N, C-alpha and C. Protein backbone atom coordinates (compact mmCIF):
# COMPACT_ATOMS: atom_id res chain seq x y z
N MET A 1 19.71 34.08 38.83
CA MET A 1 19.33 35.66 39.12
C MET A 1 20.49 36.05 40.14
N PRO A 2 20.78 36.79 39.43
CA PRO A 2 22.36 38.14 40.33
C PRO A 2 21.97 38.14 42.07
N THR A 3 22.61 38.04 42.64
CA THR A 3 22.29 38.34 44.12
C THR A 3 22.84 39.54 44.16
N VAL A 4 22.31 40.48 44.98
CA VAL A 4 22.64 41.74 45.36
C VAL A 4 22.58 41.76 46.79
N HIS A 5 24.01 42.50 47.26
CA HIS A 5 24.11 42.62 48.63
C HIS A 5 24.53 44.09 48.94
N PHE A 6 24.54 44.33 50.20
CA PHE A 6 24.77 46.27 50.69
C PHE A 6 25.34 45.87 51.73
N THR A 7 26.29 47.33 51.79
CA THR A 7 26.27 47.49 52.88
C THR A 7 25.67 48.02 54.38
N ALA A 8 26.27 47.54 55.35
CA ALA A 8 25.53 47.59 56.64
C ALA A 8 25.38 49.19 56.72
N ASN A 9 25.75 50.24 56.44
CA ASN A 9 25.44 51.58 56.75
C ASN A 9 24.03 51.66 56.08
N LEU A 10 23.51 51.48 55.25
CA LEU A 10 22.10 51.38 54.23
C LEU A 10 21.02 50.89 55.26
N LYS A 11 21.43 49.76 56.12
CA LYS A 11 20.42 49.22 57.01
C LYS A 11 20.03 50.22 57.96
N ARG A 12 20.49 51.42 57.97
CA ARG A 12 19.85 52.20 59.02
C ARG A 12 18.77 52.92 58.53
N PHE A 13 18.60 53.24 57.08
CA PHE A 13 17.30 53.31 56.62
C PHE A 13 16.62 52.46 56.21
N TYR A 14 16.89 51.22 56.13
CA TYR A 14 16.20 49.84 55.48
C TYR A 14 16.55 48.76 56.01
N PRO A 15 16.00 48.75 57.36
CA PRO A 15 16.43 47.61 58.24
C PRO A 15 16.30 46.17 57.98
N ASP A 16 15.16 46.03 56.94
CA ASP A 16 14.99 44.66 56.31
C ASP A 16 15.75 44.26 55.14
N LEU A 17 17.00 45.49 55.06
CA LEU A 17 17.87 45.27 53.65
C LEU A 17 18.68 43.87 54.13
N VAL A 18 18.65 42.81 53.41
CA VAL A 18 19.56 41.26 53.26
C VAL A 18 19.53 41.39 51.85
N PRO A 19 20.70 40.48 51.65
CA PRO A 19 20.68 40.25 50.26
C PRO A 19 19.53 39.29 49.58
N PHE A 20 19.21 39.43 48.49
CA PHE A 20 18.24 38.79 47.59
C PHE A 20 18.74 38.78 46.14
N GLU A 21 18.01 37.57 45.31
CA GLU A 21 18.28 37.48 44.03
C GLU A 21 17.28 38.38 43.63
N VAL A 22 17.44 39.05 42.24
CA VAL A 22 17.14 39.81 41.44
C VAL A 22 16.71 39.32 39.96
N GLU A 23 15.81 39.89 39.25
CA GLU A 23 16.14 39.33 37.87
C GLU A 23 16.03 40.45 37.23
N ALA A 24 17.76 40.31 36.52
CA ALA A 24 18.37 41.79 35.79
C ALA A 24 19.48 41.16 34.82
N HIS A 25 19.39 41.70 33.82
CA HIS A 25 20.54 41.43 32.94
C HIS A 25 21.88 42.61 32.91
N THR A 26 21.22 43.58 33.73
CA THR A 26 22.58 44.91 33.81
C THR A 26 22.67 45.47 34.88
N VAL A 27 23.55 46.37 34.99
CA VAL A 27 23.31 47.08 36.57
C VAL A 27 22.24 47.87 36.73
N ALA A 28 21.81 48.39 35.56
CA ALA A 28 20.35 49.49 35.61
C ALA A 28 19.45 48.66 36.02
N GLU A 29 19.57 47.70 35.39
CA GLU A 29 18.42 46.61 35.80
C GLU A 29 18.15 46.32 37.27
N LEU A 30 19.03 45.92 37.74
CA LEU A 30 19.54 45.63 39.33
C LEU A 30 18.73 46.62 39.90
N ILE A 31 19.62 47.90 39.56
CA ILE A 31 18.86 49.10 40.46
C ILE A 31 17.58 49.28 40.04
N HIS A 32 16.95 49.11 39.24
CA HIS A 32 15.62 49.05 39.14
C HIS A 32 15.03 47.94 40.00
N ALA A 33 15.15 47.15 40.09
CA ALA A 33 14.59 46.02 40.81
C ALA A 33 14.75 46.01 42.54
N VAL A 34 16.06 46.52 42.50
CA VAL A 34 16.39 47.32 43.96
C VAL A 34 14.97 48.29 44.54
N GLU A 35 14.59 48.97 43.73
CA GLU A 35 13.84 49.97 44.08
C GLU A 35 12.71 49.49 44.21
N ALA A 36 12.24 48.69 43.08
CA ALA A 36 10.79 48.39 43.27
C ALA A 36 10.67 47.57 44.85
N LYS A 37 11.83 46.58 45.25
CA LYS A 37 11.72 46.16 46.09
C LYS A 37 11.77 47.05 47.56
N HIS A 38 12.58 48.01 47.67
CA HIS A 38 12.75 49.08 48.72
C HIS A 38 12.76 50.25 48.16
N LEU A 39 11.38 50.75 48.36
CA LEU A 39 11.38 51.97 47.70
C LEU A 39 12.22 53.39 48.36
N GLY A 40 12.53 54.00 47.24
CA GLY A 40 13.63 55.12 47.96
C GLY A 40 15.23 55.10 47.83
N LEU A 41 15.26 53.54 47.86
CA LEU A 41 16.35 53.65 47.84
C LEU A 41 17.28 53.74 46.44
N ARG A 42 17.10 53.83 45.42
CA ARG A 42 17.48 54.31 44.40
C ARG A 42 18.21 55.67 44.38
N ASP A 43 17.22 56.61 45.21
CA ASP A 43 17.99 58.03 45.36
C ASP A 43 19.23 58.03 46.21
N TYR A 44 19.48 57.09 46.90
CA TYR A 44 20.75 57.08 47.62
C TYR A 44 21.96 56.31 46.61
N LEU A 45 21.38 55.60 45.73
CA LEU A 45 22.74 55.18 44.51
C LEU A 45 23.02 55.78 43.58
N VAL A 46 21.97 56.37 42.96
CA VAL A 46 22.31 57.10 41.51
C VAL A 46 21.50 58.58 41.82
N ASP A 47 21.78 59.32 40.71
CA ASP A 47 21.38 60.93 41.02
C ASP A 47 20.15 60.76 40.00
N ASP A 48 20.05 62.27 40.04
CA ASP A 48 18.56 62.59 38.92
C ASP A 48 18.62 62.14 37.80
N GLN A 49 20.10 62.17 37.01
CA GLN A 49 20.12 61.49 35.79
C GLN A 49 20.40 60.25 35.30
N GLY A 50 20.53 59.47 36.72
CA GLY A 50 20.50 57.73 36.54
C GLY A 50 21.87 57.70 36.74
N GLN A 51 22.80 58.42 36.77
CA GLN A 51 24.51 57.77 37.15
C GLN A 51 24.26 57.73 38.48
N LEU A 52 25.07 56.52 38.72
CA LEU A 52 25.85 56.15 40.17
C LEU A 52 26.70 57.75 40.73
N ARG A 53 26.19 57.60 42.01
CA ARG A 53 26.64 58.67 42.68
C ARG A 53 28.19 58.36 43.10
N LYS A 54 28.72 59.69 43.04
CA LYS A 54 30.18 59.60 43.50
C LYS A 54 30.61 58.52 44.53
N HIS A 55 29.76 58.77 45.56
CA HIS A 55 29.98 58.01 47.05
C HIS A 55 29.69 56.74 46.75
N VAL A 56 28.99 55.97 45.82
CA VAL A 56 28.41 54.72 45.78
C VAL A 56 29.21 54.08 44.91
N ASN A 57 29.87 52.70 45.24
CA ASN A 57 30.66 51.78 44.24
C ASN A 57 30.05 50.56 44.18
N VAL A 58 29.75 49.92 42.68
CA VAL A 58 29.13 48.79 42.47
C VAL A 58 30.28 47.67 42.01
N PHE A 59 30.33 46.63 42.70
CA PHE A 59 31.30 45.63 42.54
C PHE A 59 30.53 44.35 42.09
N VAL A 60 30.96 43.83 40.96
CA VAL A 60 30.47 42.26 40.60
C VAL A 60 31.48 41.71 40.63
N GLY A 61 31.15 40.76 41.74
CA GLY A 61 32.39 39.80 42.01
C GLY A 61 33.01 40.70 42.73
N ASN A 62 34.52 40.51 42.15
CA ASN A 62 35.56 41.62 42.48
C ASN A 62 35.99 42.57 41.79
N THR A 63 34.87 42.84 41.00
CA THR A 63 35.28 43.75 39.93
C THR A 63 34.48 44.98 39.87
N LEU A 64 35.24 46.24 39.95
CA LEU A 64 34.42 47.68 40.07
C LEU A 64 33.68 47.54 38.64
N ILE A 65 32.14 48.13 38.61
CA ILE A 65 31.77 48.24 37.37
C ILE A 65 32.23 49.72 36.55
N ALA A 66 32.29 49.42 35.29
CA ALA A 66 33.15 49.73 34.57
C ALA A 66 32.16 51.32 33.95
N ASP A 67 30.78 50.90 33.69
CA ASP A 67 30.18 52.09 33.48
C ASP A 67 29.29 52.56 34.07
N ARG A 68 29.81 53.95 35.22
CA ARG A 68 28.93 54.62 36.15
C ARG A 68 27.72 55.51 35.91
N ILE A 69 28.14 55.49 34.33
CA ILE A 69 27.10 56.47 33.72
C ILE A 69 25.61 55.90 33.21
N GLY A 70 26.01 54.75 32.45
CA GLY A 70 24.53 53.96 31.68
C GLY A 70 24.45 53.02 32.21
N LEU A 71 25.40 52.51 33.54
CA LEU A 71 25.00 51.18 34.42
C LEU A 71 24.64 49.81 33.61
N SER A 72 25.72 50.02 32.24
CA SER A 72 25.32 49.19 31.11
C SER A 72 26.30 47.85 31.66
N ASP A 73 26.74 47.69 32.50
CA ASP A 73 27.66 46.37 32.71
C ASP A 73 26.63 45.22 32.95
N ALA A 74 27.09 43.96 32.13
CA ALA A 74 26.41 42.67 32.13
C ALA A 74 26.59 42.21 33.22
N LEU A 75 25.23 41.60 33.87
CA LEU A 75 25.42 40.47 34.90
C LEU A 75 24.69 39.20 34.07
N THR A 76 25.18 37.96 34.92
CA THR A 76 24.92 36.81 34.76
C THR A 76 23.94 36.15 35.75
N ALA A 77 23.40 34.77 35.60
CA ALA A 77 22.66 34.64 36.86
C ALA A 77 23.36 34.19 38.23
N GLN A 78 24.51 34.21 37.77
CA GLN A 78 25.55 33.55 39.12
C GLN A 78 26.41 34.59 39.77
N ASP A 79 26.15 35.75 39.31
CA ASP A 79 26.47 36.90 39.84
C ASP A 79 26.39 37.59 41.08
N GLU A 80 27.51 37.71 41.76
CA GLU A 80 27.27 38.57 43.03
C GLU A 80 27.71 39.98 42.89
N VAL A 81 26.65 40.72 43.48
CA VAL A 81 27.03 42.34 43.28
C VAL A 81 26.73 42.79 44.55
N TYR A 82 27.74 43.71 44.88
CA TYR A 82 28.00 44.18 45.94
C TYR A 82 27.68 45.85 45.90
N ILE A 83 26.88 46.48 46.84
CA ILE A 83 26.56 47.96 46.78
C ILE A 83 26.98 48.52 47.90
N MET A 84 28.11 49.33 47.68
CA MET A 84 28.68 49.92 48.84
C MET A 84 28.74 51.47 48.74
N GLN A 85 28.31 52.14 49.98
CA GLN A 85 28.26 53.30 49.84
C GLN A 85 29.38 53.88 51.07
N ALA A 86 30.12 54.79 50.14
CA ALA A 86 31.05 55.28 51.10
C ALA A 86 30.52 56.14 52.11
N LEU A 87 31.46 55.95 53.60
CA LEU A 87 31.33 57.01 54.49
C LEU A 87 32.35 58.12 54.39
N SER A 88 31.98 59.07 54.53
CA SER A 88 32.86 60.64 54.91
C SER A 88 32.66 61.10 56.00
N GLY A 89 33.49 62.33 56.15
CA GLY A 89 33.34 62.83 57.36
C GLY A 89 34.81 63.24 57.94
N GLY A 90 35.10 63.92 59.52
CA GLY A 90 35.94 63.98 59.71
C GLY A 90 35.99 63.74 61.48
């Protein structure tokens, strides 16, 4: 099963957010599984149409996902997925 990792800034809202394995074959399925374990986290990652938010990046290994709209990038059982939320401000 793919393992999902998160940046530390999301731990402000979800202190028990640690890497974990999920049953998922696409990034969309992974985000659904993340939401099932951490209620409300999906809203930080995708908008109301299910598209990845502008300030969020998802990497599968060292590769940025290609499909930010449908989140259809395929995952394998050995994949390490990194969800990164960019910080902004002045």
